Amino acid sequence: MSEQTDIDELRNRHHLLDGEIEAENTQIYPNEVKISSLKKQKLKIKDLIRQLETSG
């Protein structure tokens, strides 16, 4: 698998997490623990993308 493919997959996952966060925020009682976890996942993915972009 190429680095660009990995980056594209990570960006896609990052985008999907945005949707999950938005969906949780629209709940009557949003689960703040879940939202926090999703945001941490987004940050990890963002860091991985940066690593791949700078190493390539």
PDB file of N, CA and C in Angstrom:
ATOM      1  N   MET A   1       0.842  -1.191   0.000  1.00  0.00           N
ATOM      2  CA  MET A   1       0.000   0.000   0.000  1.00  0.00           C
ATOM      3  C   MET A   1       0.883   1.250   0.000  1.00  0.00           C
ATOM      4  N   SER A   2       0.533   2.234  -0.775  1.00  0.00           N
ATOM      5  CA  SER A   2       1.354   3.433  -0.870  1.00  0.00           C
ATOM      6  C   SER A   2       1.056   4.408   0.261  1.00  0.00           C
ATOM      7  N   GLU A   3       1.987   5.296   0.485  1.00  0.00           N
ATOM      8  CA  GLU A   3       1.794   6.311   1.523  1.00  0.00           C
ATOM      9  C   GLU A   3       0.584   7.184   1.217  1.00  0.00           C
ATOM     10  N   GLN A   4       0.394   7.516  -0.061  1.00  0.00           N
ATOM     11  CA  GLN A   4      -0.739   8.375  -0.428  1.00  0.00           C
ATOM     12  C   GLN A   4      -2.059   7.677  -0.136  1.00  0.00           C
ATOM     13  N   THR A   5      -2.115   6.382  -0.368  1.00  0.00           N
ATOM     14  CA  THR A   5      -3.324   5.620  -0.062  1.00  0.00           C
ATOM     15  C   THR A   5      -3.587   5.635   1.437  1.00  0.00           C
ATOM     16  N   ASP A   6      -2.526   5.458   2.224  1.00  0.00           N
ATOM     17  CA  ASP A   6      -2.653   5.506   3.677  1.00  0.00           C
ATOM     18  C   ASP A   6      -3.170   6.869   4.128  1.00  0.00           C
ATOM     19  N   ILE A   7      -2.620   7.926   3.558  1.00  0.00           N
ATOM     20  CA  ILE A   7      -3.038   9.286   3.904  1.00  0.00           C
ATOM     21  C   ILE A   7      -4.501   9.492   3.532  1.00  0.00           C
ATOM     22  N   ASP A   8      -4.884   9.036   2.362  1.00  0.00           N
ATOM     23  CA  ASP A   8      -6.285   9.180   1.928  1.00  0.00           C
ATOM     24  C   ASP A   8      -7.235   8.442   2.865  1.00  0.00           C
ATOM     25  N   GLU A   9      -6.850   7.241   3.273  1.00  0.00           N
ATOM     26  CA  GLU A   9      -7.683   6.474   4.192  1.00  0.00           C
ATOM     27  C   GLU A   9      -7.799   7.166   5.547  1.00  0.00           C
ATOM     28  N   LEU A  10      -6.693   7.716   6.016  1.00  0.00           N
ATOM     29  CA  LEU A  10      -6.714   8.437   7.291  1.00  0.00           C
ATOM     30  C   LEU A  10      -7.581   9.691   7.194  1.00  0.00           C
ATOM     31  N   ARG A  11      -7.482  10.403   6.083  1.00  0.00           N
ATOM     32  CA  ARG A  11      -8.321  11.596   5.903  1.00  0.00           C
ATOM     33  C   ARG A  11      -9.801  11.216   5.864  1.00  0.00           C
ATOM     34  N   ASN A  12     -10.106  10.099   5.231  1.00  0.00           N
ATOM     35  CA  ASN A  12     -11.480   9.628   5.175  1.00  0.00           C
ATOM     36  C   ASN A  12     -11.981   9.300   6.582  1.00  0.00           C
ATOM     37  N   ARG A  13     -11.161   8.591   7.348  1.00  0.00           N
ATOM     38  CA  ARG A  13     -11.542   8.255   8.723  1.00  0.00           C
ATOM     39  C   ARG A  13     -11.716   9.527   9.556  1.00  0.00           C
ATOM     40  N   HIS A  14     -10.847  10.500   9.358  1.00  0.00           N
ATOM     41  CA  HIS A  14     -10.929  11.776  10.062  1.00  0.00           C
ATOM     42  C   HIS A  14     -12.262  12.448   9.756  1.00  0.00           C
ATOM     43  N   HIS A  15     -12.651  12.416   8.494  1.00  0.00           N
ATOM     44  CA  HIS A  15     -13.921  13.008   8.070  1.00  0.00           C
ATOM     45  C   HIS A  15     -15.110  12.255   8.677  1.00  0.00           C
ATOM     46  N   LEU A  16     -15.043  10.936   8.715  1.00  0.00           N
ATOM     47  CA  LEU A  16     -16.112  10.138   9.310  1.00  0.00           C
ATOM     48  C   LEU A  16     -16.274  10.442  10.799  1.00  0.00           C
ATOM     49  N   LEU A  17     -15.158  10.678  11.468  1.00  0.00           N
ATOM     50  CA  LEU A  17     -15.226  11.024  12.890  1.00  0.00           C
ATOM     51  C   LEU A  17     -15.940  12.352  13.091  1.00  0.00           C
ATOM     52  N   ASP A  18     -15.746  13.293  12.158  1.00  0.00           N
ATOM     53  CA  ASP A  18     -16.492  14.555  12.225  1.00  0.00           C
ATOM     54  C   ASP A  18     -17.992  14.293  12.241  1.00  0.00           C
ATOM     55  N   GLY A  19     -18.426  13.392  11.377  1.00  0.00           N
ATOM     56  CA  GLY A  19     -19.844  13.048  11.312  1.00  0.00           C
ATOM     57  C   GLY A  19     -20.336  12.397  12.596  1.00  0.00           C
ATOM     58  N   GLU A  20     -19.518  11.517  13.166  1.00  0.00           N
ATOM     59  CA  GLU A  20     -19.900  10.863  14.418  1.00  0.00           C
ATOM     60  C   GLU A  20     -20.012  11.881  15.551  1.00  0.00           C
ATOM     61  N   ILE A  21     -19.084  12.816  15.594  1.00  0.00           N
ATOM     62  CA  ILE A  21     -19.119  13.860  16.631  1.00  0.00           C
ATOM     63  C   ILE A  21     -20.365  14.719  16.450  1.00  0.00           C
ATOM     64  N   GLU A  22     -20.638  15.115  15.222  1.00  0.00           N
ATOM     65  CA  GLU A  22     -21.817  15.942  14.935  1.00  0.00           C
ATOM     66  C   GLU A  22     -23.094  15.208  15.325  1.00  0.00           C
ATOM     67  N   ALA A  23     -23.169  13.928  14.984  1.00  0.00           N
ATOM     68  CA  ALA A  23     -24.356  13.140  15.324  1.00  0.00           C
ATOM     69  C   ALA A  23     -24.554  13.059  16.829  1.00  0.00           C
ATOM     70  N   GLU A  24     -23.464  12.875  17.553  1.00  0.00           N
ATOM     71  CA  GLU A  24     -23.580  12.794  19.016  1.00  0.00           C
ATOM     72  C   GLU A  24     -23.985  14.144  19.605  1.00  0.00           C
ATOM     73  N   ASN A  25     -23.477  15.215  19.032  1.00  0.00           N
ATOM     74  CA  ASN A  25     -23.815  16.556  19.527  1.00  0.00           C
ATOM     75  C   ASN A  25     -25.279  16.918  19.296  1.00  0.00           C
ATOM     76  N   THR A  26     -25.934  16.259  18.354  1.00  0.00           N
ATOM     77  CA  THR A  26     -27.330  16.574  18.086  1.00  0.00           C
ATOM     78  C   THR A  26     -28.292  15.793  18.987  1.00  0.00           C
ATOM     79  N   GLN A  27     -27.753  14.874  19.792  1.00  0.00           N
ATOM     80  CA  GLN A  27     -28.587  14.125  20.722  1.00  0.00           C
ATOM     81  C   GLN A  27     -29.114  15.051  21.819  1.00  0.00           C
ATOM     82  N   ILE A  28     -30.247  14.678  22.404  1.00  0.00           N
ATOM     83  CA  ILE A  28     -30.800  15.476  23.505  1.00  0.00           C
ATOM     84  C   ILE A  28     -29.798  15.545  24.649  1.00  0.00           C
ATOM     85  N   TYR A  29     -29.205  14.395  24.967  1.00  0.00           N
ATOM     86  CA  TYR A  29     -28.187  14.328  26.012  1.00  0.00           C
ATOM     87  C   TYR A  29     -26.906  13.752  25.412  1.00  0.00           C
ATOM     88  N   PRO A  30     -26.083  14.608  24.814  1.00  0.00           N
ATOM     89  CA  PRO A  30     -24.854  14.110  24.186  1.00  0.00           C
ATOM     90  C   PRO A  30     -23.944  13.438  25.211  1.00  0.00           C
ATOM     91  N   ASN A  31     -23.326  12.353  24.793  1.00  0.00           N
ATOM     92  CA  ASN A  31     -22.385  11.636  25.636  1.00  0.00           C
ATOM     93  C   ASN A  31     -21.022  12.322  25.520  1.00  0.00           C
ATOM     94  N   GLU A  32     -20.693  13.131  26.523  1.00  0.00           N
ATOM     95  CA  GLU A  32     -19.457  13.915  26.474  1.00  0.00           C
ATOM     96  C   GLU A  32     -18.212  13.041  26.490  1.00  0.00           C
ATOM     97  N   VAL A  33     -18.284  11.890  27.147  1.00  0.00           N
ATOM     98  CA  VAL A  33     -17.146  10.974  27.176  1.00  0.00           C
ATOM     99  C   VAL A  33     -16.886  10.431  25.766  1.00  0.00           C
ATOM    100  N   LYS A  34     -17.955  10.064  25.078  1.00  0.00           N
ATOM    101  CA  LYS A  34     -17.824   9.564  23.705  1.00  0.00           C
ATOM    102  C   LYS A  34     -17.281  10.650  22.794  1.00  0.00           C
ATOM    103  N   ILE A  35     -17.791  11.863  22.935  1.00  0.00           N
ATOM    104  CA  ILE A  35     -17.327  12.977  22.109  1.00  0.00           C
ATOM    105  C   ILE A  35     -15.842  13.231  22.344  1.00  0.00           C
ATOM    106  N   SER A  36     -15.440  13.214  23.605  1.00  0.00           N
ATOM    107  CA  SER A  36     -14.036  13.420  23.936  1.00  0.00           C
ATOM    108  C   SER A  36     -13.161  12.336  23.317  1.00  0.00           C
ATOM    109  N   SER A  37     -13.614  11.103  23.386  1.00  0.00           N
ATOM    110  CA  SER A  37     -12.865   9.990  22.803  1.00  0.00           C
ATOM    111  C   SER A  37     -12.740  10.143  21.289  1.00  0.00           C
ATOM    112  N   LEU A  38     -13.827  10.519  20.641  1.00  0.00           N
ATOM    113  CA  LEU A  38     -13.802  10.717  19.188  1.00  0.00           C
ATOM    114  C   LEU A  38     -12.846  11.842  18.805  1.00  0.00           C
ATOM    115  N   LYS A  39     -12.838  12.908  19.593  1.00  0.00           N
ATOM    116  CA  LYS A  39     -11.934  14.031  19.302  1.00  0.00           C
ATOM    117  C   LYS A  39     -10.474  13.618  19.478  1.00  0.00           C
ATOM    118  N   LYS A  40     -10.196  12.788  20.480  1.00  0.00           N
ATOM    119  CA  LYS A  40      -8.830  12.297  20.671  1.00  0.00           C
ATOM    120  C   LYS A  40      -8.405  11.432  19.492  1.00  0.00           C
ATOM    121  N   GLN A  41      -9.332  10.609  18.990  1.00  0.00           N
ATOM    122  CA  GLN A  41      -9.036   9.794  17.813  1.00  0.00           C
ATOM    123  C   GLN A  41      -8.705  10.679  16.615  1.00  0.00           C
ATOM    124  N   LYS A  42      -9.482  11.760  16.459  1.00  0.00           N
ATOM    125  CA  LYS A  42      -9.228  12.694  15.352  1.00  0.00           C
ATOM    126  C   LYS A  42      -7.826  13.284  15.450  1.00  0.00           C
ATOM    127  N   LEU A  43      -7.420  13.668  16.660  1.00  0.00           N
ATOM    128  CA  LEU A  43      -6.094  14.250  16.849  1.00  0.00           C
ATOM    129  C   LEU A  43      -4.993  13.246  16.521  1.00  0.00           C
ATOM    130  N   LYS A  44      -5.169  12.002  16.934  1.00  0.00           N
ATOM    131  CA  LYS A  44      -4.180  10.971  16.623  1.00  0.00           C
ATOM    132  C   LYS A  44      -4.067  10.773  15.112  1.00  0.00           C
ATOM    133  N   ILE A  45      -5.200  10.745  14.445  1.00  0.00           N
ATOM    134  CA  ILE A  45      -5.200  10.583  12.994  1.00  0.00           C
ATOM    135  C   ILE A  45      -4.518  11.767  12.326  1.00  0.00           C
ATOM    136  N   LYS A  46      -4.814  12.965  12.810  1.00  0.00           N
ATOM    137  CA  LYS A  46      -4.185  14.172  12.252  1.00  0.00           C
ATOM    138  C   LYS A  46      -2.664  14.098  12.402  1.00  0.00           C
ATOM    139  N   ASP A  47      -2.197  13.635  13.562  1.00  0.00           N
ATOM    140  CA  ASP A  47      -0.761  13.484  13.785  1.00  0.00           C
ATOM    141  C   ASP A  47      -0.155  12.447  12.834  1.00  0.00           C
ATOM    142  N   LEU A  48      -0.861  11.338  12.630  1.00  0.00           N
ATOM    143  CA  LEU A  48      -0.381  10.312  11.702  1.00  0.00           C
ATOM    144  C   LEU A  48      -0.284  10.848  10.285  1.00  0.00           C
ATOM    145  N   ILE A  49      -1.280  11.625   9.875  1.00  0.00           N
ATOM    146  CA  ILE A  49      -1.255  12.226   8.536  1.00  0.00           C
ATOM    147  C   ILE A  49      -0.037  13.120   8.381  1.00  0.00           C
ATOM    148  N   ARG A  50       0.201  13.954   9.387  1.00  0.00           N
ATOM    149  CA  ARG A  50       1.368  14.847   9.328  1.00  0.00           C
ATOM    150  C   ARG A  50       2.662  14.059   9.240  1.00  0.00           C
ATOM    151  N   GLN A  51       2.764  12.989  10.027  1.00  0.00           N
ATOM    152  CA  GLN A  51       3.976  12.159   9.991  1.00  0.00           C
ATOM    153  C   GLN A  51       4.198  11.582   8.601  1.00  0.00           C
ATOM    154  N   LEU A  52       3.134  11.040   8.027  1.00  0.00           N
ATOM    155  CA  LEU A  52       3.257  10.440   6.691  1.00  0.00           C
ATOM    156  C   LEU A  52       3.607  11.485   5.642  1.00  0.00           C
ATOM    157  N   GLU A  53       3.027  12.673   5.761  1.00  0.00           N
ATOM    158  CA  GLU A  53       3.303  13.725   4.774  1.00  0.00           C
ATOM    159  C   GLU A  53       4.734  14.224   4.869  1.00  0.00           C
ATOM    160  N   THR A  54       5.272  14.317   6.064  1.00  0.00           N
ATOM    161  CA  THR A  54       6.631  14.823   6.213  1.00  0.00           C
ATOM    162  C   THR A  54       7.691  13.759   5.923  1.00  0.00           C
ATOM    163  N   SER A  55       7.329  12.472   6.096  1.00  0.00           N
ATOM    164  CA  SER A  55       8.301  11.421   5.824  1.00  0.00           C
ATOM    165  C   SER A  55       8.383  11.093   4.328  1.00  0.00           C
ATOM    166  N   GLY A  56       7.373  11.516   3.583  1.00  0.00           N
ATOM    167  CA  GLY A  56       7.344  11.164   2.157  1.00  0.00           C
ATOM    168  C   GLY A  56       7.896  12.159   1.283  1.00  0.00           C
TER     169      GLY A  56
END
